Amino acid sequence: MKVPFFVFLCLFFRFGYGQTKLTMEDEKKKIAYSLLTEAIAKNDSVKMADGYYEMGKYESGIGNFISGNVWYRKSLPLYKRQKRYFEYGRIYQRIAENEAARKDYLQVKIYSDSAVAIFKKYDLAKGFISNYMFTCDFNYNILRKSPSEVLRNFDEMLVYAKKHDLEVEHTFLHQMRGQILSDSNPVAALKSFELSKICMKKYGFERLYTALNAYMALCYARLEQPAKARELLESNVQLELNSKKDRFLSYRVKRNLAEIEIYKAEKNWEKAFEKQVEYTELQNEIHVSEESKLTSIENSLDISALSKSQERELLLQSQILQDNKKLLIVLIFAGAMFLILGVLLFFQNTKNQSLARKYLHLSQKNELLIKEQSHRVKNNLQLISSLIGLQRNRLKDTKVKDSLEEMQGRIDVMSVLQQLFYESTDSKDIRISDYFGQILNKSEIIFNKPINKILSLENILIEPDLAIHLGIIFNELLTNSFKYAFGFDNPEPSVEVMFQIKNSELHFVYKDNGKNPDLLIFEKDFYTSSRSFGLSLIRLKSTELSGEYGFIYENGLQFTLKCPYHEAKGFDS
C-alpha cells in the first residue's frame, strides 16, 4: 500500500506543484496553443484563425518576425472567409510592423497601404486611426521625417475620430502628437499630453500615467522647470507601487532621459553625467537585445519546415491535453486507474523525448549535408580551374591560351566566393578584404607574375550578390593588367585597390602602373567603346549596380566606380 501511495504523491507534485511560474511570453504561447488545440479538437475555423493570429503575436514578440509572418498569413484567408474585416486589416498592419523591425521598408509600405485600403473599403474607423498612428511613428522614429511632415494630417484625423464617435482614440492621438513634438516643441507637446491625460482619466486609463508623466517631465526639464519635472517623476513611484513596477526598457529609457534633462536644468553636471552613463548602458542593453533578435531571424533557414514542426507540436499538445482530461475523469471516478494512466503518460513522455532527440539528430545531419554540398561545389570549381590550367599549358595558340586564362580567372572568382561561404560559421556575408586578397593571389598564380599590392580596403562585410558583381569587375581589371600593363617593359608591376562605403555610397578605385602607350588599349576611348568580352563584362556589371564608372589613363590605368548602397537592402540592381 505504501508504494502506490508514494507513486501517487510523486506524480501529484510532478504535474501539480512542479510547474514554474509562466512568463508573459509563455502566457501568450499558452493562449495560442489553447486556442489551436481547441480548434483542432472541435474543427472550429473561427478559433483556428484566432489561434494563428495569437501564434503570430507570440513569435513576433520574441523576435521571430519571419515565423510570425508565416502564422499571420495562415490567418488571412480564414478572416476573409469569415468576413471579419477588422482583424483582416489588422493582420496586414501587424505584418507591416514586423517588416519595419526587419528594416524592409518597401514591404512596410506595401502592407501598410493594404491595411488602409481594407479599413477604408469597409469603413473601419478604429483600424484606420490605428494604422495612421503606426505610420506616424514609423515616419518619425525610423524614416526620421520632420514633425510638421509627420503630423500634417493630424487635425483631420481628430475630426475623423470625432465624426465616428471614437473618443477613446483621442487619448492616443494626443499622446502620439506629444511624443513627436517633445524634442522640437516642448510647449506644444505638453498641451497634447495634458489633453491625453484628461481622456485617460475620463476612461479609466490611469495605468498609462507612468509613461505619460515621464514624457511630460522631459518637456518641463527642457523648459527649465526642473521642480515640476521632478514632481511628475516622483508621482510615478506611487503609481508603480499600486500596480506592477514597469519592467519595459522603453519606460526606463524615457525616465532616464527625463532625469538627465532635470539635472542639466539644475546645473548638477555630476549627476547628469551619471545618468548619461546609465542611459548609455540602457542603450547597450537594447542593442544586445536587438542583435539577439536579428540572430534568431538569421537562424531561420527553412520557414516551411519550421511551421510544419510547430504544427506537429500543436497536435502533440492537443493529444496531451486530451490525455490529461481523461486522466482527470479517471482520478474522480476510479482512483485505482490513476497508476495505470500515470505509467502510460510516463511512457508517452519517454516517446516524445525520443522523438525530440531524433528530430535533433536529423537537424544536425541536414546541417552537415549542407556543409558537405558547399565543400563539394568548392572542390569542383577548383578542379575545373585546374583542368583549364593544365589544358592552357599544353596549347601553343596564344589567343586560345589567353581565352582560357580569362575563363580560369572568372571561375576562380566563383571558387573564392564559395570557399568563403564554406569557411564562414557566423555570417552569410563576405569580408571584402579576404575576398579581394584571395582573388589577387589566384591571379598571380595563374599569370605566374608576382606584383606589388597596395590595398586600402575597409574591414566590412558585403552581401553575396554584391560580392559576385565586384569580384567579376575586379578579376577582369586584373586580367587586363597582367596581359597588357605588366606584359612589357615594367620591372616593378604594381596594383592599387581602394574600397569603402561612405554616406550610403560604395566607392571602388583600381589603379595599375602599366606602361607601353603605343598599344591600342591606351587610346583615349578604347575602354568605353571596345566590344571585348572582358570590358563588356566590366561595363555590364557596373551598370547593373546602378553605378557611375570611368576609365582614365595617366601613368597607368585607373578605373573608378561609385554606386548607391543601402545597409538594409544591399545594393540597387
Protein backbone atom coordinates (compact mmCIF):
# COMPACT_ATOMS: atom_id res chain seq x y z
CA MET A 1 0.00 0.00 0.00
CA LYS A 2 2.91 2.35 0.70
CA VAL A 3 4.37 2.04 -2.80
CA PRO A 4 1.22 3.15 -4.74
CA PHE A 5 0.72 6.00 -2.26
CA PHE A 6 4.33 7.14 -2.76
CA VAL A 7 3.97 6.99 -6.58
CA PHE A 8 0.71 8.98 -6.29
CA LEU A 9 2.49 11.71 -4.32
CA CYS A 10 5.37 11.86 -6.81
CA LEU A 11 3.04 12.24 -9.79
CA PHE A 12 0.89 14.74 -7.91
CA PHE A 13 3.86 17.01 -7.21
CA ARG A 14 5.29 16.39 -10.67
CA PHE A 15 2.15 17.51 -12.53
CA GLY A 16 0.50 19.72 -9.92
CA TYR A 17 3.08 21.77 -8.00
CA GLY A 18 6.17 21.19 -10.05
CA GLN A 19 5.29 23.82 -12.66
CA THR A 20 7.25 27.07 -12.66
CA LYS A 21 5.55 30.43 -12.99
CA LEU A 22 4.92 31.34 -16.61
CA THR A 23 6.49 34.45 -18.14
CA MET A 24 4.50 36.94 -20.18
CA GLU A 25 5.65 35.36 -23.46
CA ASP A 26 4.90 31.87 -22.13
CA GLU A 27 1.39 33.03 -21.26
CA LYS A 28 0.92 34.28 -24.83
CA LYS A 29 2.15 30.96 -26.16
CA LYS A 30 -0.17 29.10 -23.83
CA ILE A 31 -3.18 31.16 -25.02
CA ALA A 32 -2.30 30.49 -28.67
CA TYR A 33 -1.81 26.75 -28.08
CA SER A 34 -5.04 26.57 -26.14
CA LEU A 35 -6.99 28.18 -28.99
CA LEU A 36 -5.38 25.99 -31.63
CA THR A 37 -5.77 22.73 -29.75
CA GLU A 38 -9.44 23.51 -29.08
CA ALA A 39 -9.91 24.46 -32.74
CA ILE A 40 -8.29 21.20 -33.86
CA ALA A 41 -10.42 19.17 -31.47
CA LYS A 42 -13.70 20.88 -32.47
CA ASN A 43 -12.78 21.70 -36.09
CA ASP A 44 -13.64 25.36 -35.34
CA SER A 45 -12.34 27.68 -38.07
CA VAL A 46 -13.06 30.82 -36.00
CA LYS A 47 -10.84 29.68 -33.14
CA MET A 48 -8.32 28.41 -35.69
CA ALA A 49 -8.00 31.91 -37.19
CA ASP A 50 -7.62 33.45 -33.71
CA GLY A 51 -5.08 30.79 -32.77
CA TYR A 52 -2.96 31.51 -35.85
CA TYR A 53 -3.18 35.23 -35.04
CA GLU A 54 -2.09 34.69 -31.42
CA MET A 55 0.79 32.46 -32.55
CA GLY A 56 1.91 35.26 -34.88
CA LYS A 57 1.84 37.72 -31.98
CA TYR A 58 3.83 35.33 -29.81
CA GLU A 59 6.53 34.66 -32.43
CA SER A 60 6.81 38.38 -33.27
CA GLY A 61 7.00 39.22 -29.57
CA ILE A 62 10.12 37.08 -29.09
CA GLY A 63 11.78 38.48 -32.24
CA ASN A 64 10.98 35.67 -34.73
CA PHE A 65 9.46 38.06 -37.26
CA ILE A 66 9.71 35.69 -40.24
CA SER A 67 7.94 32.92 -38.33
CA GLY A 68 5.41 35.46 -37.03
CA ASN A 69 4.56 36.48 -40.58
CA VAL A 70 4.07 32.83 -41.52
CA TRP A 71 1.42 32.46 -38.80
CA TYR A 72 -0.21 35.79 -39.68
CA ARG A 73 -0.57 34.75 -43.33
CA LYS A 74 -2.22 31.48 -42.24
CA SER A 75 -4.98 33.51 -40.55
CA LEU A 76 -5.57 35.87 -43.51
CA PRO A 77 -7.78 33.59 -45.69
CA LEU A 78 -9.76 32.45 -42.62
CA TYR A 79 -10.56 36.00 -41.50
CA LYS A 80 -11.50 36.98 -45.04
CA ARG A 81 -13.77 33.95 -45.43
CA GLN A 82 -15.42 34.75 -42.09
CA LYS A 83 -15.86 38.42 -43.13
CA ARG A 84 -14.04 39.62 -40.05
CA TYR A 85 -12.57 42.57 -41.91
CA PHE A 86 -11.20 44.47 -38.91
CA GLU A 87 -8.98 41.52 -37.97
CA TYR A 88 -8.25 41.01 -41.68
CA GLY A 89 -6.86 44.55 -41.94
CA ARG A 90 -5.04 44.28 -38.61
CA ILE A 91 -3.10 41.29 -39.93
CA TYR A 92 -1.67 43.43 -42.74
CA GLN A 93 -0.76 46.10 -40.20
CA ARG A 94 0.94 43.51 -37.95
CA ILE A 95 2.99 42.23 -40.88
CA ALA A 96 3.96 45.83 -41.70
CA GLU A 97 5.18 46.24 -38.09
CA ASN A 98 7.28 43.07 -38.43
CA GLU A 99 8.78 44.28 -41.72
CA ALA A 100 9.63 47.59 -40.02
CA ALA A 101 11.50 45.64 -37.34
CA ARG A 102 13.33 43.74 -40.13
CA LYS A 103 14.12 47.10 -41.85
CA ASP A 104 12.43 46.07 -45.08
CA TYR A 105 10.83 49.49 -45.65
CA LEU A 106 9.42 48.72 -49.10
CA GLN A 107 7.41 45.83 -47.63
CA VAL A 108 6.29 48.10 -44.79
CA LYS A 109 4.66 50.49 -47.28
CA ILE A 110 3.04 47.67 -49.26
CA TYR A 111 1.42 46.02 -46.22
CA SER A 112 0.51 49.30 -44.53
CA ASP A 113 -1.21 50.53 -47.70
CA SER A 114 -3.08 47.23 -47.92
CA ALA A 115 -4.34 47.68 -44.36
CA VAL A 116 -5.51 51.23 -45.15
CA ALA A 117 -7.34 50.01 -48.26
CA ILE A 118 -9.24 47.37 -46.23
CA PHE A 119 -10.15 49.80 -43.43
CA LYS A 120 -11.38 52.36 -45.95
CA LYS A 121 -13.33 49.85 -48.02
CA TYR A 122 -15.28 48.54 -45.02
CA ASP A 123 -15.40 51.88 -43.17
CA LEU A 124 -13.47 50.60 -40.13
CA ALA A 125 -12.56 53.88 -38.45
CA LYS A 126 -10.78 52.36 -35.45
CA GLY A 127 -8.46 50.36 -37.68
CA PHE A 128 -7.84 53.38 -39.93
CA ILE A 129 -6.75 55.51 -36.94
CA SER A 130 -4.59 52.68 -35.58
CA ASN A 131 -2.77 52.40 -38.92
CA TYR A 132 -2.39 56.21 -39.04
CA MET A 133 -0.62 56.19 -35.66
CA PHE A 134 1.64 53.34 -36.77
CA THR A 135 2.55 55.28 -39.93
CA CYS A 136 3.31 58.44 -37.91
CA ASP A 137 5.56 56.51 -35.53
CA PHE A 138 7.31 54.78 -38.46
CA ASN A 139 7.88 58.05 -40.36
CA TYR A 140 9.22 59.86 -37.30
CA ASN A 141 11.29 57.26 -35.45
CA ILE A 142 12.56 55.19 -38.40
CA LEU A 143 12.46 57.39 -41.52
CA ARG A 144 13.34 60.49 -39.42
CA LYS A 145 10.90 62.83 -41.09
CA SER A 146 10.20 66.27 -39.59
CA PRO A 147 7.35 66.63 -37.04
CA SER A 148 5.47 69.01 -39.34
CA GLU A 149 5.57 66.48 -42.17
CA VAL A 150 4.58 63.57 -39.91
CA LEU A 151 1.66 65.45 -38.30
CA ARG A 152 0.41 67.02 -41.49
CA ASN A 153 -3.00 65.30 -41.32
CA PHE A 154 -3.33 65.22 -37.51
CA ASP A 155 -6.24 67.70 -37.24
CA GLU A 156 -8.13 65.84 -39.96
CA MET A 157 -7.72 62.58 -38.00
CA LEU A 158 -9.11 64.24 -34.85
CA VAL A 159 -12.19 65.34 -36.80
CA TYR A 160 -12.46 61.87 -38.34
CA ALA A 161 -12.36 60.21 -34.90
CA LYS A 162 -14.98 62.61 -33.53
CA LYS A 163 -17.20 62.01 -36.55
CA HIS A 164 -17.15 58.25 -35.82
CA ASP A 165 -17.62 58.68 -32.01
CA LEU A 166 -14.19 57.28 -31.22
CA GLU A 167 -13.48 59.39 -28.16
CA VAL A 168 -11.04 56.91 -26.65
CA GLU A 169 -8.80 57.24 -29.71
CA HIS A 170 -8.34 60.94 -28.84
CA THR A 171 -6.26 59.77 -25.87
CA PHE A 172 -3.72 58.01 -28.02
CA LEU A 173 -3.76 60.57 -30.84
CA HIS A 174 -2.85 63.40 -28.44
CA GLN A 175 -0.25 61.21 -26.73
CA MET A 176 1.34 60.37 -30.09
CA ARG A 177 1.43 64.05 -31.09
CA GLY A 178 3.07 64.96 -27.77
CA GLN A 179 5.75 62.30 -28.20
CA ILE A 180 6.60 63.53 -31.70
CA LEU A 181 6.75 67.20 -30.60
CA SER A 182 8.64 66.57 -27.33
CA ASP A 183 12.04 67.15 -28.97
CA SER A 184 11.24 70.15 -31.16
CA ASN A 185 8.37 71.96 -29.37
CA PRO A 186 8.05 71.06 -25.65
CA VAL A 187 5.29 73.63 -25.03
CA ALA A 188 3.01 72.20 -27.73
CA ALA A 189 3.92 68.67 -26.59
CA LEU A 190 2.79 69.46 -23.01
CA LYS A 191 -0.57 70.71 -24.28
CA SER A 192 -1.11 67.45 -26.12
CA PHE A 193 -0.07 65.39 -23.07
CA GLU A 194 -2.50 67.32 -20.85
CA LEU A 195 -5.34 66.63 -23.30
CA SER A 196 -4.34 62.96 -23.39
CA LYS A 197 -4.28 62.84 -19.58
CA ILE A 198 -7.81 64.23 -19.40
CA CYS A 199 -9.04 61.50 -21.75
CA MET A 200 -7.15 58.83 -19.78
CA LYS A 201 -8.77 59.88 -16.53
CA LYS A 202 -12.20 60.05 -18.16
CA TYR A 203 -11.99 56.49 -19.47
CA GLY A 204 -10.09 54.92 -16.58
CA PHE A 205 -6.67 54.59 -18.20
CA GLU A 206 -4.69 55.83 -15.14
CA ARG A 207 -2.37 52.83 -15.52
CA LEU A 208 -0.87 54.62 -18.54
CA TYR A 209 0.16 57.67 -16.49
CA THR A 210 3.72 56.44 -15.88
CA ALA A 211 4.92 56.75 -19.50
CA LEU A 212 2.99 60.00 -19.97
CA ASN A 213 4.48 61.56 -16.83
CA ALA A 214 7.99 60.61 -17.96
CA TYR A 215 7.44 62.39 -21.30
CA MET A 216 5.95 65.45 -19.54
CA ALA A 217 8.87 65.56 -17.09
CA LEU A 218 11.27 65.57 -20.05
CA CYS A 219 9.42 68.55 -21.60
CA TYR A 220 9.35 70.53 -18.32
CA ALA A 221 13.07 69.95 -17.83
CA ARG A 222 13.78 71.27 -21.31
CA LEU A 223 11.69 74.35 -20.44
CA GLU A 224 13.95 74.96 -17.39
CA GLN A 225 11.29 73.85 -14.88
CA PRO A 226 13.13 71.03 -13.05
CA ALA A 227 10.94 71.18 -9.92
CA LYS A 228 7.78 70.48 -11.93
CA ALA A 229 9.55 67.73 -13.83
CA ARG A 230 10.79 66.03 -10.64
CA GLU A 231 7.30 66.22 -9.14
CA LEU A 232 5.92 64.25 -12.09
CA LEU A 233 8.60 61.56 -11.82
CA GLU A 234 8.02 61.21 -8.06
CA SER A 235 4.30 60.78 -8.69
CA ASN A 236 5.19 57.77 -10.84
CA VAL A 237 6.69 55.95 -7.84
CA GLN A 238 3.28 55.52 -6.19
CA LEU A 239 1.69 54.51 -9.49
CA GLU A 240 4.31 51.77 -9.91
CA LEU A 241 3.72 50.54 -6.34
CA ASN A 242 -0.06 50.36 -6.87
CA SER A 243 0.42 48.19 -9.95
CA LYS A 244 3.35 46.13 -11.16
CA LYS A 245 6.60 48.01 -11.48
CA ASP A 246 7.19 48.89 -15.11
CA ARG A 247 9.77 46.42 -16.39
CA PHE A 248 9.87 47.58 -20.00
CA LEU A 249 13.05 49.10 -21.39
CA SER A 250 11.10 51.81 -23.24
CA TYR A 251 9.82 53.30 -19.97
CA ARG A 252 13.25 53.11 -18.32
CA VAL A 253 14.75 54.98 -21.28
CA LYS A 254 12.08 57.71 -21.08
CA ARG A 255 12.56 58.13 -17.32
CA ASN A 256 16.35 58.19 -17.67
CA LEU A 257 16.23 60.88 -20.38
CA ALA A 258 13.93 62.98 -18.20
CA GLU A 259 16.32 62.68 -15.23
CA ILE A 260 19.28 63.73 -17.41
CA GLU A 261 17.44 66.84 -18.56
CA ILE A 262 16.37 67.65 -14.96
CA TYR A 263 19.95 67.52 -13.69
CA LYS A 264 21.07 69.66 -16.62
CA ALA A 265 18.40 72.24 -15.80
CA GLU A 266 19.56 72.21 -12.13
CA LYS A 267 23.21 72.60 -13.29
CA ASN A 268 24.06 69.38 -11.44
CA TRP A 269 26.53 68.19 -14.04
CA GLU A 270 27.94 65.31 -11.95
CA LYS A 271 24.50 63.67 -11.56
CA ALA A 272 23.71 64.41 -15.19
CA PHE A 273 26.89 62.59 -16.21
CA GLU A 274 25.98 59.58 -14.00
CA LYS A 275 22.52 59.39 -15.59
CA GLN A 276 24.11 59.73 -19.03
CA VAL A 277 26.28 56.69 -18.25
CA GLU A 278 23.17 54.80 -17.12
CA TYR A 279 21.39 55.83 -20.32
CA THR A 280 24.33 54.54 -22.38
CA GLU A 281 24.14 51.19 -20.57
CA LEU A 282 20.40 51.01 -21.31
CA GLN A 283 21.07 51.66 -24.98
CA ASN A 284 23.69 48.90 -24.97
CA GLU A 285 21.14 46.57 -23.37
CA ILE A 286 18.62 47.43 -26.08
CA HIS A 287 21.30 46.94 -28.75
CA VAL A 288 22.20 43.49 -27.38
CA SER A 289 18.50 42.59 -27.33
CA GLU A 290 18.08 43.69 -30.96
CA GLU A 291 21.19 41.75 -32.01
CA SER A 292 19.85 38.60 -30.40
CA LYS A 293 16.57 39.06 -32.26
CA LEU A 294 18.41 39.54 -35.59
CA THR A 295 20.47 36.44 -34.87
CA SER A 296 17.33 34.42 -34.24
CA ILE A 297 15.94 35.69 -37.58
CA GLU A 298 19.11 34.75 -39.49
CA ASN A 299 18.98 31.24 -37.99
CA SER A 300 15.55 30.64 -39.60
CA LEU A 301 16.81 28.56 -42.54
CA ASP A 302 13.59 26.90 -43.64
CA ILE A 303 10.26 28.55 -42.82
CA SER A 304 8.13 25.77 -44.18
CA ALA A 305 9.95 23.19 -42.05
CA LEU A 306 9.54 25.48 -39.05
CA SER A 307 5.78 25.83 -39.49
CA LYS A 308 5.39 22.07 -40.00
CA SER A 309 7.33 21.31 -36.82
CA GLN A 310 5.18 23.79 -34.91
CA GLU A 311 2.02 22.19 -36.24
CA ARG A 312 3.29 18.79 -35.12
CA GLU A 313 3.98 20.27 -31.71
CA LEU A 314 0.42 21.67 -31.57
CA LEU A 315 -1.09 18.30 -32.46
CA LEU A 316 1.05 16.69 -29.81
CA GLN A 317 -0.05 19.33 -27.30
CA SER A 318 -3.67 18.65 -28.24
CA GLN A 319 -3.15 14.94 -27.62
CA ILE A 320 -1.53 15.61 -24.24
CA LEU A 321 -4.42 17.87 -23.20
CA GLN A 322 -6.95 15.22 -24.15
CA ASP A 323 -4.98 12.59 -22.23
CA ASN A 324 -4.86 14.88 -19.19
CA LYS A 325 -8.64 15.37 -19.42
CA LYS A 326 -9.17 11.63 -19.47
CA LEU A 327 -6.74 11.33 -16.56
CA LEU A 328 -8.80 13.83 -14.51
CA ILE A 329 -12.04 11.88 -15.16
CA VAL A 330 -10.37 8.63 -14.20
CA LEU A 331 -8.99 10.22 -11.00
CA ILE A 332 -12.51 11.37 -9.97
CA PHE A 333 -14.34 8.10 -10.65
CA ALA A 334 -11.65 5.48 -10.19
CA GLY A 335 -8.53 6.28 -8.17
CA ALA A 336 -7.20 2.82 -8.81
CA MET A 337 -6.81 3.59 -12.53
CA PHE A 338 -4.58 6.57 -11.77
CA LEU A 339 -1.40 4.49 -11.51
CA ILE A 340 -2.05 2.80 -14.86
CA LEU A 341 -2.67 6.09 -16.63
CA GLY A 342 0.34 7.63 -14.90
CA VAL A 343 2.55 4.87 -16.29
CA LEU A 344 1.07 5.42 -19.75
CA LEU A 345 1.84 9.11 -19.54
CA PHE A 346 5.37 8.33 -18.42
CA PHE A 347 5.95 6.13 -21.47
CA GLN A 348 4.31 8.75 -23.66
CA ASN A 349 6.73 11.36 -22.31
CA THR A 350 9.65 9.00 -22.94
CA LYS A 351 8.44 8.50 -26.50
CA ASN A 352 8.21 12.26 -27.01
CA GLN A 353 11.75 12.73 -25.74
CA SER A 354 12.91 10.01 -28.11
CA LEU A 355 11.20 11.80 -31.00
CA ALA A 356 12.78 15.09 -29.94
CA ARG A 357 16.25 13.51 -29.97
CA LYS A 358 15.50 12.01 -33.37
CA TYR A 359 14.48 15.41 -34.79
CA LEU A 360 17.60 16.99 -33.31
CA HIS A 361 19.75 14.31 -34.94
CA LEU A 362 18.05 14.92 -38.30
CA SER A 363 18.61 18.67 -37.96
CA GLN A 364 22.32 18.15 -37.27
CA LYS A 365 22.54 15.72 -40.18
CA ASN A 366 20.94 18.24 -42.54
CA GLU A 367 23.43 20.88 -41.42
CA LEU A 368 26.32 18.53 -42.17
CA LEU A 369 24.85 17.71 -45.59
CA ILE A 370 24.62 21.41 -46.46
CA LYS A 371 28.25 21.93 -45.48
CA GLU A 372 29.32 18.86 -47.44
CA GLN A 373 27.43 20.12 -50.51
CA SER A 374 29.13 23.52 -50.23
CA HIS A 375 32.53 21.82 -49.86
CA ARG A 376 31.94 19.69 -52.97
CA VAL A 377 30.91 22.73 -55.04
CA LYS A 378 34.11 24.49 -53.99
CA ASN A 379 36.23 21.42 -54.87
CA ASN A 380 34.50 21.02 -58.26
CA LEU A 381 35.17 24.67 -59.14
CA GLN A 382 38.83 24.28 -58.16
CA LEU A 383 39.05 21.06 -60.20
CA ILE A 384 37.60 22.82 -63.27
CA SER A 385 40.10 25.66 -62.80
CA SER A 386 42.99 23.21 -62.52
CA LEU A 387 41.89 21.31 -65.66
CA ILE A 388 41.71 24.57 -67.60
CA GLY A 389 45.19 25.46 -66.33
CA LEU A 390 46.59 22.09 -67.48
CA GLN A 391 44.97 22.45 -70.89
CA ARG A 392 46.26 26.02 -71.23
CA ASN A 393 49.85 24.96 -70.54
CA ARG A 394 49.64 22.38 -73.36
CA LEU A 395 48.42 24.81 -76.00
CA LYS A 396 50.55 26.91 -78.30
CA ASP A 397 47.86 29.14 -79.80
CA THR A 398 48.24 32.48 -77.93
CA LYS A 399 44.63 33.57 -78.44
CA VAL A 400 43.24 30.28 -77.13
CA LYS A 401 45.62 30.41 -74.14
CA ASP A 402 44.51 33.97 -73.36
CA SER A 403 40.85 32.94 -73.52
CA LEU A 404 41.50 30.02 -71.17
CA GLU A 405 43.38 32.30 -68.75
CA GLU A 406 40.40 34.68 -68.66
CA MET A 407 37.97 31.78 -68.17
CA GLN A 408 40.14 30.37 -65.38
CA GLY A 409 40.13 33.74 -63.61
CA ARG A 410 36.33 34.02 -63.78
CA ILE A 411 35.90 30.51 -62.38
CA ASP A 412 38.38 31.32 -59.60
CA VAL A 413 36.24 34.32 -58.59
CA MET A 414 33.29 31.96 -58.01
CA SER A 415 35.61 29.45 -56.30
CA VAL A 416 36.87 32.10 -53.86
CA LEU A 417 33.31 33.18 -53.08
CA GLN A 418 32.23 29.55 -52.47
CA GLN A 419 35.27 28.93 -50.27
CA LEU A 420 34.46 31.96 -48.10
CA PHE A 421 30.87 30.67 -47.81
CA TYR A 422 32.17 27.27 -46.70
CA GLU A 423 34.60 28.73 -44.13
CA SER A 424 32.05 31.16 -42.69
CA THR A 425 30.42 29.99 -39.44
CA ASP A 426 28.58 33.02 -38.08
CA SER A 427 27.52 35.09 -41.09
CA LYS A 428 26.23 34.73 -44.62
CA ASP A 429 28.09 37.89 -45.76
CA ILE A 430 31.57 38.16 -47.29
CA ARG A 431 34.52 40.10 -45.84
CA ILE A 432 35.76 42.30 -48.67
CA SER A 433 39.45 42.32 -47.58
CA ASP A 434 39.68 38.49 -47.59
CA TYR A 435 37.72 38.26 -50.87
CA PHE A 436 39.82 40.73 -52.89
CA GLY A 437 43.05 39.40 -51.36
CA GLN A 438 42.35 35.81 -52.48
CA ILE A 439 41.30 36.90 -55.98
CA LEU A 440 44.57 38.84 -56.31
CA ASN A 441 46.67 35.89 -55.08
CA LYS A 442 44.98 33.48 -57.53
CA SER A 443 45.61 35.92 -60.42
CA GLU A 444 49.34 35.99 -59.53
CA ILE A 445 49.39 32.18 -59.64
CA ILE A 446 47.52 31.97 -62.96
CA PHE A 447 49.79 34.51 -64.74
CA ASN A 448 52.91 33.43 -62.79
CA LYS A 449 53.91 37.02 -62.09
CA PRO A 450 54.32 38.48 -58.55
CA ILE A 451 53.35 42.14 -58.24
CA ASN A 452 53.43 44.89 -55.65
CA LYS A 453 49.98 45.25 -53.95
CA ILE A 454 48.69 48.41 -52.27
CA LEU A 455 45.30 47.59 -50.72
CA SER A 456 43.14 50.13 -48.93
CA LEU A 457 40.11 48.02 -48.01
CA GLU A 458 37.71 48.72 -45.17
CA ASN A 459 37.17 45.70 -42.90
CA ILE A 460 33.47 45.39 -43.76
CA LEU A 461 31.03 42.65 -44.79
CA ILE A 462 29.01 42.74 -48.02
CA GLU A 463 26.21 40.50 -49.25
CA PRO A 464 26.96 37.70 -51.78
CA ASP A 465 25.08 39.30 -54.72
CA LEU A 466 27.21 42.42 -54.47
CA ALA A 467 30.36 40.35 -53.92
CA ILE A 468 29.97 38.39 -57.19
CA HIS A 469 29.46 41.65 -59.19
CA LEU A 470 32.54 43.30 -57.68
CA GLY A 471 34.58 40.11 -57.95
CA ILE A 472 33.91 39.85 -61.71
CA ILE A 473 34.82 43.52 -62.25
CA PHE A 474 38.00 43.17 -60.14
CA ASN A 475 39.05 39.96 -61.95
CA GLU A 476 38.58 41.49 -65.41
CA LEU A 477 40.65 44.54 -64.43
CA LEU A 478 43.42 42.29 -63.04
CA THR A 479 43.37 40.12 -66.18
CA ASN A 480 43.74 43.24 -68.33
CA SER A 481 46.68 44.48 -66.21
CA PHE A 482 48.54 41.15 -66.22
CA LYS A 483 48.10 40.68 -70.01
CA TYR A 484 48.90 44.21 -71.13
CA ALA A 485 50.13 46.56 -68.41
CA PHE A 486 52.65 44.11 -66.92
CA GLY A 487 53.47 42.14 -70.04
CA PHE A 488 56.08 44.53 -71.42
CA ASP A 489 58.77 46.85 -70.10
CA ASN A 490 57.56 47.07 -66.48
CA PRO A 491 60.14 45.72 -63.98
CA GLU A 492 58.05 46.67 -60.93
CA PRO A 493 54.37 45.93 -61.71
CA SER A 494 52.03 47.41 -59.12
CA VAL A 495 48.29 47.41 -58.37
CA GLU A 496 46.49 49.77 -56.01
CA VAL A 497 42.93 48.97 -54.85
CA MET A 498 40.66 51.17 -52.70
CA PHE A 499 37.20 50.14 -51.42
CA GLN A 500 34.95 51.94 -48.94
CA ILE A 501 31.28 52.62 -48.15
CA LYS A 502 30.56 56.21 -47.16
CA ASN A 503 27.27 58.13 -46.89
CA SER A 504 25.28 55.21 -48.36
CA GLU A 505 27.59 55.08 -51.41
CA LEU A 506 30.06 52.41 -52.48
CA HIS A 507 33.43 53.69 -53.80
CA PHE A 508 35.77 51.36 -55.67
CA VAL A 509 39.06 52.53 -57.30
CA TYR A 510 41.53 50.32 -59.18
CA LYS A 511 44.94 51.53 -60.46
CA ASP A 512 47.91 49.89 -62.14
CA ASN A 513 51.25 51.32 -63.30
CA GLY A 514 51.03 49.90 -66.80
CA LYS A 515 53.41 51.14 -69.48
CA ASN A 516 53.64 50.78 -73.27
CA PRO A 517 51.31 53.59 -74.51
CA ASP A 518 51.86 52.50 -78.12
CA LEU A 519 49.27 49.74 -77.70
CA LEU A 520 45.68 50.24 -78.81
CA ILE A 521 44.39 49.73 -75.24
CA PHE A 522 45.86 53.03 -74.13
CA GLU A 523 43.97 55.12 -76.67
CA LYS A 524 41.54 57.64 -75.18
CA ASP A 525 38.18 55.98 -75.93
CA PHE A 526 39.26 52.33 -76.02
CA TYR A 527 37.77 51.31 -72.66
CA THR A 528 34.41 52.95 -73.29
CA SER A 529 33.97 51.75 -76.87
CA SER A 530 35.74 48.36 -77.07
CA ARG A 531 33.50 45.33 -77.56
CA SER A 532 35.91 42.83 -75.99
CA PHE A 533 34.18 40.37 -73.67
CA GLY A 534 36.15 41.40 -70.57
CA LEU A 535 35.49 45.12 -70.92
CA SER A 536 31.86 44.42 -71.81
CA LEU A 537 31.57 42.49 -68.55
CA ILE A 538 33.02 45.43 -66.59
CA ARG A 539 30.58 47.88 -68.18
CA LEU A 540 27.63 45.47 -67.77
CA LYS A 541 28.26 44.74 -64.07
CA SER A 542 28.84 48.44 -63.32
CA THR A 543 25.52 49.28 -64.97
CA GLU A 544 23.71 46.50 -63.06
CA LEU A 545 24.96 48.12 -59.84
CA SER A 546 23.35 51.41 -60.98
CA GLY A 547 26.82 52.88 -60.74
CA GLU A 548 28.82 55.68 -62.30
CA TYR A 549 32.11 54.39 -63.69
CA GLY A 550 35.01 55.67 -65.75
CA PHE A 551 38.46 54.81 -67.17
CA ILE A 552 41.46 57.18 -67.05
CA TYR A 553 45.00 56.54 -68.30
CA GLU A 554 47.65 58.63 -66.54
CA ASN A 555 50.88 56.71 -65.86
CA GLY A 556 48.76 53.59 -65.80
CA LEU A 557 45.11 52.65 -65.94
CA GLN A 558 42.66 53.94 -63.34
CA PHE A 559 39.08 52.63 -63.02
CA THR A 560 36.55 54.25 -60.66
CA LEU A 561 33.09 53.01 -59.67
CA LYS A 562 30.53 54.74 -57.44
CA CYS A 563 27.09 53.27 -56.78
CA PRO A 564 24.33 53.56 -54.15
CA TYR A 565 24.45 51.15 -51.23
CA HIS A 566 21.83 50.69 -48.53
CA GLU A 567 22.64 48.62 -45.45
CA ALA A 568 19.07 47.29 -45.18
CA LYS A 569 18.61 46.37 -48.88
CA GLY A 570 22.14 45.85 -50.13
CA PHE A 571 22.81 47.47 -53.49
CA ASP A 572 20.36 48.85 -56.07
CA SER A 573 20.11 46.45 -59.01
